[in-house]
Amino acid sequence: MKSTLQDLGPRFHGWPKRDIERVLVSETAIKRCVRRLGEQISRDYEGQKIILVSVLKGSVVFMADLLREINIPCAVDFMAVSSYVGSETSGVVRVTMDLRESPEGKNIILVEDIVDTGLTLAYLKKNLLTRRVKSLRVCALLDKPDCHRVPVSLNYMGFSIPNEFVVGYGLDYAERYRSLPHIAVLKREVYKPSSGEERSKSSGG
């Protein structure tokens, strides 16, 4: 699963490479994983329609790729929440954008980039279940089991990772690094001095 900084490729020189400690999940591994998850979802919901709900902003890249691997009728919607200040999660979930359409009577799959404490995910599941959805499942690319503060149940999961501050493939720090094609560990000195900056990815819960 791990790769080297050389795998970042020639278009990622300068500041991105300087700030990265190591690549945790390679681009190739991510592509294989997303294909596997798409096939599994397609099998599980054969003959049905689903709605993928992206938890903004970090899961957008993941959901866009996942959508292309699903071969059943699939709509998309978005929610935005925030629980990060600097490099740490505050534990207080704040909804900043709600669904455009009512989820009542529909098969909903929450698409998360990363689950760490589980608090954001627990809040979102509780919120959606009160709206009388037909079914609710969770698809997460990354899971940090060592960080869970509440029980976490994932129906579709990509990679279990250690408690590292990661960026890339949609995940950011201060709106940087989203375009990296890998999941990479950010050097501690990059994010620790700027504790006032908000990690703008809104999942991580």
C-alpha atoms as a PDB file:
ATOM      1  CA  MET A   1       0.000   0.000   0.000  1.00  0.00           C
ATOM      2  CA  LYS A   2       2.857   2.375   0.752  1.00  0.00           C
ATOM      3  CA  SER A   3       4.897   4.083  -1.955  1.00  0.00           C
ATOM      4  CA  THR A   4       7.723   6.581  -2.053  1.00  0.00           C
ATOM      5  CA  LEU A   5       7.864  10.317  -2.639  1.00  0.00           C
ATOM      6  CA  GLN A   6       9.272   9.547  -6.084  1.00  0.00           C
ATOM      7  CA  ASP A   7       5.828   8.180  -6.963  1.00  0.00           C
ATOM      8  CA  LEU A   8       4.380  11.676  -6.738  1.00  0.00           C
ATOM      9  CA  GLY A   9       5.536  12.183 -10.302  1.00  0.00           C
ATOM     10  CA  PRO A  10       7.100  15.179 -12.066  1.00  0.00           C
ATOM     11  CA  ARG A  11       4.053  17.465 -11.787  1.00  0.00           C
ATOM     12  CA  PHE A  12       4.274  17.374  -7.974  1.00  0.00           C
ATOM     13  CA  HIS A  13       7.574  19.058  -7.259  1.00  0.00           C
ATOM     14  CA  GLY A  14       8.359  21.987  -4.983  1.00  0.00           C
ATOM     15  CA  TRP A  15       6.037  22.727  -2.067  1.00  0.00           C
ATOM     16  CA  PRO A  16       3.834  19.613  -2.164  1.00  0.00           C
ATOM     17  CA  LYS A  17       6.792  17.245  -2.033  1.00  0.00           C
ATOM     18  CA  ARG A  18       8.612  19.323   0.572  1.00  0.00           C
ATOM     19  CA  ASP A  19       5.616  19.111   2.915  1.00  0.00           C
ATOM     20  CA  ILE A  20       5.022  15.374   2.556  1.00  0.00           C
ATOM     21  CA  GLU A  21       6.608  12.924   4.974  1.00  0.00           C
ATOM     22  CA  ARG A  22       5.634   9.811   3.012  1.00  0.00           C
ATOM     23  CA  VAL A  23       2.990   8.386   0.701  1.00  0.00           C
ATOM     24  CA  LEU A  24       0.662   6.112   2.644  1.00  0.00           C
ATOM     25  CA  VAL A  25      -1.674   4.831  -0.101  1.00  0.00           C
ATOM     26  CA  SER A  26      -0.599   4.857  -3.742  1.00  0.00           C
ATOM     27  CA  GLU A  27      -2.652   6.090  -6.673  1.00  0.00           C
ATOM     28  CA  THR A  28      -2.776   2.567  -8.076  1.00  0.00           C
ATOM     29  CA  ALA A  29      -4.056   1.136  -4.791  1.00  0.00           C
ATOM     30  CA  ILE A  30      -6.763   3.806  -4.614  1.00  0.00           C
ATOM     31  CA  LYS A  31      -7.979   3.016  -8.125  1.00  0.00           C
ATOM     32  CA  ARG A  32      -8.218  -0.707  -7.349  1.00  0.00           C
ATOM     33  CA  CYS A  33     -10.059   0.032  -4.124  1.00  0.00           C
ATOM     34  CA  VAL A  34     -12.605   2.371  -5.726  1.00  0.00           C
ATOM     35  CA  ARG A  35     -13.323  -0.192  -8.439  1.00  0.00           C
ATOM     36  CA  ARG A  36     -13.891  -2.869  -5.789  1.00  0.00           C
ATOM     37  CA  LEU A  37     -16.240  -0.644  -3.789  1.00  0.00           C
ATOM     38  CA  GLY A  38     -18.213   0.341  -6.887  1.00  0.00           C
ATOM     39  CA  GLU A  39     -18.677  -3.292  -7.885  1.00  0.00           C
ATOM     40  CA  GLN A  40     -19.772  -4.236  -4.375  1.00  0.00           C
ATOM     41  CA  ILE A  41     -22.339  -1.424  -4.179  1.00  0.00           C
ATOM     42  CA  SER A  42     -23.672  -2.334  -7.624  1.00  0.00           C
ATOM     43  CA  ARG A  43     -24.185  -5.942  -6.541  1.00  0.00           C
ATOM     44  CA  ASP A  44     -25.807  -5.032  -3.238  1.00  0.00           C
ATOM     45  CA  TYR A  45     -28.318  -2.657  -4.848  1.00  0.00           C
ATOM     46  CA  GLU A  46     -28.973  -4.516  -8.096  1.00  0.00           C
ATOM     47  CA  GLY A  47     -32.382  -3.523  -9.474  1.00  0.00           C
ATOM     48  CA  GLN A  48     -32.620  -0.507  -7.176  1.00  0.00           C
ATOM     49  CA  LYS A  49     -31.770   3.174  -7.314  1.00  0.00           C
ATOM     50  CA  ILE A  50     -29.376   4.799  -4.870  1.00  0.00           C
ATOM     51  CA  ILE A  51     -28.321   8.294  -3.879  1.00  0.00           C
ATOM     52  CA  LEU A  52     -24.679   8.953  -3.063  1.00  0.00           C
ATOM     53  CA  VAL A  53     -24.383  11.750  -0.507  1.00  0.00           C
ATOM     54  CA  SER A  54     -20.948  13.328  -0.532  1.00  0.00           C
ATOM     55  CA  VAL A  55     -19.808  14.863   2.733  1.00  0.00           C
ATOM     56  CA  LEU A  56     -18.085  18.014   1.507  1.00  0.00           C
ATOM     57  CA  LYS A  57     -15.458  18.918   0.784  1.00  0.00           C
ATOM     58  CA  GLY A  58     -13.020  16.085   1.202  1.00  0.00           C
ATOM     59  CA  SER A  59     -15.054  13.272  -0.352  1.00  0.00           C
ATOM     60  CA  VAL A  60     -15.756  14.961  -3.694  1.00  0.00           C
ATOM     61  CA  VAL A  61     -12.839  13.352  -5.529  1.00  0.00           C
ATOM     62  CA  PHE A  62     -13.599   9.943  -4.048  1.00  0.00           C
ATOM     63  CA  MET A  63     -17.299  10.161  -4.866  1.00  0.00           C
ATOM     64  CA  ALA A  64     -16.659  11.273  -8.447  1.00  0.00           C
ATOM     65  CA  ASP A  65     -14.464   8.230  -9.069  1.00  0.00           C
ATOM     66  CA  LEU A  66     -16.807   5.906  -7.174  1.00  0.00           C
ATOM     67  CA  LEU A  67     -19.776   7.081  -9.219  1.00  0.00           C
ATOM     68  CA  ARG A  68     -18.051   5.982 -12.422  1.00  0.00           C
ATOM     69  CA  GLU A  69     -17.587   2.468 -11.026  1.00  0.00           C
ATOM     70  CA  ILE A  70     -21.276   1.975 -10.158  1.00  0.00           C
ATOM     71  CA  ASN A  71     -23.433   0.434 -12.881  1.00  0.00           C
ATOM     72  CA  ILE A  72     -26.918   0.920 -11.409  1.00  0.00           C
ATOM     73  CA  PRO A  73     -29.108   4.071 -11.400  1.00  0.00           C
ATOM     74  CA  CYS A  74     -27.378   6.522  -9.096  1.00  0.00           C
ATOM     75  CA  ALA A  75     -28.112  10.119  -8.131  1.00  0.00           C
ATOM     76  CA  VAL A  76     -25.863  12.423  -6.112  1.00  0.00           C
ATOM     77  CA  ASP A  77     -26.403  14.999  -3.408  1.00  0.00           C
ATOM     78  CA  PHE A  78     -24.227  16.876  -0.954  1.00  0.00           C
ATOM     79  CA  MET A  79     -23.973  17.816   2.697  1.00  0.00           C
ATOM     80  CA  ALA A  80     -21.367  20.047   4.285  1.00  0.00           C
ATOM     81  CA  VAL A  81     -20.407  19.874   7.923  1.00  0.00           C
ATOM     82  CA  SER A  82     -17.449  21.070   9.932  1.00  0.00           C
ATOM     83  CA  SER A  83     -15.783  19.781  13.052  1.00  0.00           C
ATOM     84  CA  TYR A  84     -12.147  20.750  12.496  1.00  0.00           C
ATOM     85  CA  VAL A  85     -10.165  23.662  13.842  1.00  0.00           C
ATOM     86  CA  GLY A  86      -6.531  23.494  12.808  1.00  0.00           C
ATOM     87  CA  SER A  87      -5.281  19.903  12.823  1.00  0.00           C
ATOM     88  CA  GLU A  88      -7.666  18.660  15.510  1.00  0.00           C
ATOM     89  CA  THR A  89     -11.340  17.823  15.519  1.00  0.00           C
ATOM     90  CA  SER A  90     -13.343  19.891  17.988  1.00  0.00           C
ATOM     91  CA  GLY A  91     -15.988  17.214  18.457  1.00  0.00           C
ATOM     92  CA  VAL A  92     -18.711  19.795  17.769  1.00  0.00           C
ATOM     93  CA  VAL A  93     -20.454  19.154  14.457  1.00  0.00           C
ATOM     94  CA  ARG A  94     -21.803  22.104  12.518  1.00  0.00           C
ATOM     95  CA  VAL A  95     -23.981  21.615   9.415  1.00  0.00           C
ATOM     96  CA  THR A  96     -23.150  24.236   6.812  1.00  0.00           C
ATOM     97  CA  MET A  97     -25.096  22.858   3.831  1.00  0.00           C
ATOM     98  CA  ASP A  98     -28.007  20.424   3.751  1.00  0.00           C
ATOM     99  CA  LEU A  99     -29.358  18.102   1.056  1.00  0.00           C
ATOM    100  CA  ARG A 100     -31.143  19.694  -1.887  1.00  0.00           C
ATOM    101  CA  GLU A 101     -33.735  16.910  -2.113  1.00  0.00           C
ATOM    102  CA  SER A 102     -35.656  15.060   0.577  1.00  0.00           C
ATOM    103  CA  PRO A 103     -34.094  11.643   1.323  1.00  0.00           C
ATOM    104  CA  GLU A 104     -37.390  10.186   2.521  1.00  0.00           C
ATOM    105  CA  GLY A 105     -38.041   6.710   1.106  1.00  0.00           C
ATOM    106  CA  LYS A 106     -34.678   6.549  -0.682  1.00  0.00           C
ATOM    107  CA  ASN A 107     -31.578   4.362  -0.496  1.00  0.00           C
ATOM    108  CA  ILE A 108     -28.847   6.634   0.822  1.00  0.00           C
ATOM    109  CA  ILE A 109     -25.125   5.923   0.848  1.00  0.00           C
ATOM    110  CA  LEU A 110     -23.077   8.438   2.806  1.00  0.00           C
ATOM    111  CA  VAL A 111     -19.709   8.884   1.110  1.00  0.00           C
ATOM    112  CA  GLU A 112     -16.918   9.887   3.502  1.00  0.00           C
ATOM    113  CA  ASP A 113     -13.287  10.516   2.706  1.00  0.00           C
ATOM    114  CA  ILE A 114     -12.065   9.656   6.206  1.00  0.00           C
ATOM    115  CA  VAL A 115     -13.533   8.556   9.514  1.00  0.00           C
ATOM    116  CA  ASP A 116     -11.562   9.229  12.667  1.00  0.00           C
ATOM    117  CA  THR A 117     -13.485  10.039  15.861  1.00  0.00           C
ATOM    118  CA  GLY A 118     -16.783   8.813  14.409  1.00  0.00           C
ATOM    119  CA  LEU A 119     -18.619  11.805  15.899  1.00  0.00           C
ATOM    120  CA  THR A 120     -19.456  13.493  12.602  1.00  0.00           C
ATOM    121  CA  LEU A 121     -20.564  10.207  11.081  1.00  0.00           C
ATOM    122  CA  ALA A 122     -22.761   9.391  14.087  1.00  0.00           C
ATOM    123  CA  TYR A 123     -24.393  12.820  13.841  1.00  0.00           C
ATOM    124  CA  LEU A 124     -25.057  12.485  10.109  1.00  0.00           C
ATOM    125  CA  LYS A 125     -26.532   8.991  10.458  1.00  0.00           C
ATOM    126  CA  LYS A 126     -28.833  10.122  13.248  1.00  0.00           C
ATOM    127  CA  ASN A 127     -29.858  13.170  11.223  1.00  0.00           C
ATOM    128  CA  LEU A 128     -30.701  11.147   8.111  1.00  0.00           C
ATOM    129  CA  LEU A 129     -32.498   8.351   9.931  1.00  0.00           C
ATOM    130  CA  THR A 130     -34.971  10.882  11.342  1.00  0.00           C
ATOM    131  CA  ARG A 131     -35.955  11.691   7.749  1.00  0.00           C
ATOM    132  CA  ARG A 132     -37.429   8.254   7.067  1.00  0.00           C
ATOM    133  CA  VAL A 133     -34.912   7.037   4.521  1.00  0.00           C
ATOM    134  CA  LYS A 134     -35.532   3.608   3.028  1.00  0.00           C
ATOM    135  CA  SER A 135     -31.996   2.496   3.826  1.00  0.00           C
ATOM    136  CA  LEU A 136     -28.777   4.111   4.993  1.00  0.00           C
ATOM    137  CA  ARG A 137     -25.264   2.787   4.491  1.00  0.00           C
ATOM    138  CA  VAL A 138     -21.808   4.322   4.778  1.00  0.00           C
ATOM    139  CA  CYS A 139     -18.931   4.142   2.319  1.00  0.00           C
ATOM    140  CA  ALA A 140     -15.594   5.508   3.571  1.00  0.00           C
ATOM    141  CA  LEU A 141     -12.288   5.531   1.761  1.00  0.00           C
ATOM    142  CA  LEU A 142     -10.224   5.746   4.947  1.00  0.00           C
ATOM    143  CA  ASP A 143     -10.801   4.696   8.544  1.00  0.00           C
ATOM    144  CA  LYS A 144      -8.691   5.516  11.603  1.00  0.00           C
ATOM    145  CA  PRO A 145      -9.815   2.908  14.145  1.00  0.00           C
ATOM    146  CA  ASP A 146      -7.392   4.142  16.810  1.00  0.00           C
ATOM    147  CA  CYS A 147      -9.203   7.499  16.853  1.00  0.00           C
ATOM    148  CA  HIS A 148     -12.780   6.275  17.328  1.00  0.00           C
ATOM    149  CA  ARG A 149     -14.592   7.911  20.240  1.00  0.00           C
ATOM    150  CA  VAL A 150     -17.904   6.236  19.476  1.00  0.00           C
ATOM    151  CA  PRO A 151     -18.773   2.883  17.870  1.00  0.00           C
ATOM    152  CA  VAL A 152     -18.279   3.047  14.086  1.00  0.00           C
ATOM    153  CA  SER A 153     -19.982   0.775  11.552  1.00  0.00           C
ATOM    154  CA  LEU A 154     -18.897   1.037   7.915  1.00  0.00           C
ATOM    155  CA  ASN A 155     -20.695  -0.919   5.204  1.00  0.00           C
ATOM    156  CA  TYR A 156     -18.049  -0.207   2.580  1.00  0.00           C
ATOM    157  CA  MET A 157     -14.487   0.644   3.550  1.00  0.00           C
ATOM    158  CA  GLY A 158     -11.317   1.205   1.593  1.00  0.00           C
ATOM    159  CA  PHE A 159      -8.290   1.359   3.865  1.00  0.00           C
ATOM    160  CA  SER A 160      -7.673   1.219   7.599  1.00  0.00           C
ATOM    161  CA  ILE A 161      -4.842   3.630   8.391  1.00  0.00           C
ATOM    162  CA  PRO A 162      -2.838   4.635  11.479  1.00  0.00           C
ATOM    163  CA  ASN A 163      -3.409   7.868  13.374  1.00  0.00           C
ATOM    164  CA  GLU A 164      -1.538  10.141  10.966  1.00  0.00           C
ATOM    165  CA  PHE A 165      -2.511  13.543   9.559  1.00  0.00           C
ATOM    166  CA  VAL A 166      -3.146  12.697   5.900  1.00  0.00           C
ATOM    167  CA  VAL A 167      -3.820  14.749   2.788  1.00  0.00           C
ATOM    168  CA  GLY A 168      -4.371  14.149  -0.909  1.00  0.00           C
ATOM    169  CA  TYR A 169      -7.107  12.667  -3.089  1.00  0.00           C
ATOM    170  CA  GLY A 170      -9.491  15.371  -1.913  1.00  0.00           C
ATOM    171  CA  LEU A 171      -8.257  15.715   1.658  1.00  0.00           C
ATOM    172  CA  ASP A 172      -6.706  19.056   2.482  1.00  0.00           C
ATOM    173  CA  TYR A 173      -4.953  21.137   5.047  1.00  0.00           C
ATOM    174  CA  ALA A 174      -5.830  24.849   4.739  1.00  0.00           C
ATOM    175  CA  GLU A 175      -7.191  24.152   1.217  1.00  0.00           C
ATOM    176  CA  ARG A 176      -3.889  22.701   0.017  1.00  0.00           C
ATOM    177  CA  TYR A 177      -2.886  19.219  -1.176  1.00  0.00           C
ATOM    178  CA  ARG A 178      -6.340  18.151  -2.449  1.00  0.00           C
ATOM    179  CA  SER A 179      -4.947  17.550  -5.946  1.00  0.00           C
ATOM    180  CA  LEU A 180      -2.373  14.975  -4.877  1.00  0.00           C
ATOM    181  CA  PRO A 181      -3.328  11.616  -6.436  1.00  0.00           C
ATOM    182  CA  HIS A 182      -2.223   9.700  -3.343  1.00  0.00           C
ATOM    183  CA  ILE A 183      -2.987   9.610   0.344  1.00  0.00           C
ATOM    184  CA  ALA A 184       0.082  11.102   1.970  1.00  0.00           C
ATOM    185  CA  VAL A 185       1.242  11.870   5.506  1.00  0.00           C
ATOM    186  CA  LEU A 186       1.818  15.572   6.086  1.00  0.00           C
ATOM    187  CA  LYS A 187       4.935  16.585   7.978  1.00  0.00           C
ATOM    188  CA  ARG A 188       4.119  17.587  11.530  1.00  0.00           C
ATOM    189  CA  GLU A 189       5.880  20.941  11.289  1.00  0.00           C
ATOM    190  CA  VAL A 190       3.573  21.943   8.430  1.00  0.00           C
ATOM    191  CA  TYR A 191       0.320  21.816  10.383  1.00  0.00           C
ATOM    192  CA  LYS A 192       1.255  22.163  14.068  1.00  0.00           C
ATOM    193  CA  PRO A 193       2.436  25.822  14.044  1.00  0.00           C
ATOM    194  CA  SER A 194      -0.817  27.085  12.467  1.00  0.00           C
ATOM    195  CA  SER A 195      -3.323  25.912  15.035  1.00  0.00           C
ATOM    196  CA  GLY A 196      -5.700  28.736  14.108  1.00  0.00           C
ATOM    197  CA  GLU A 197      -6.189  27.526  10.549  1.00  0.00           C
ATOM    198  CA  GLU A 198      -9.260  25.437   9.884  1.00  0.00           C
ATOM    199  CA  ARG A 199      -8.999  22.157   8.059  1.00  0.00           C
ATOM    200  CA  SER A 200     -11.604  22.882   5.439  1.00  0.00           C
ATOM    201  CA  LYS A 201     -12.453  19.295   4.685  1.00  0.00           C
ATOM    202  CA  SER A 202     -15.648  18.725   6.502  1.00  0.00           C
ATOM    203  CA  SER A 203     -15.804  15.029   7.142  1.00  0.00           C
ATOM    204  CA  GLY A 204     -13.076  13.434   9.188  1.00  0.00           C
ATOM    205  CA  GLY A 205     -15.686  12.541  11.709  1.00  0.00           C
END
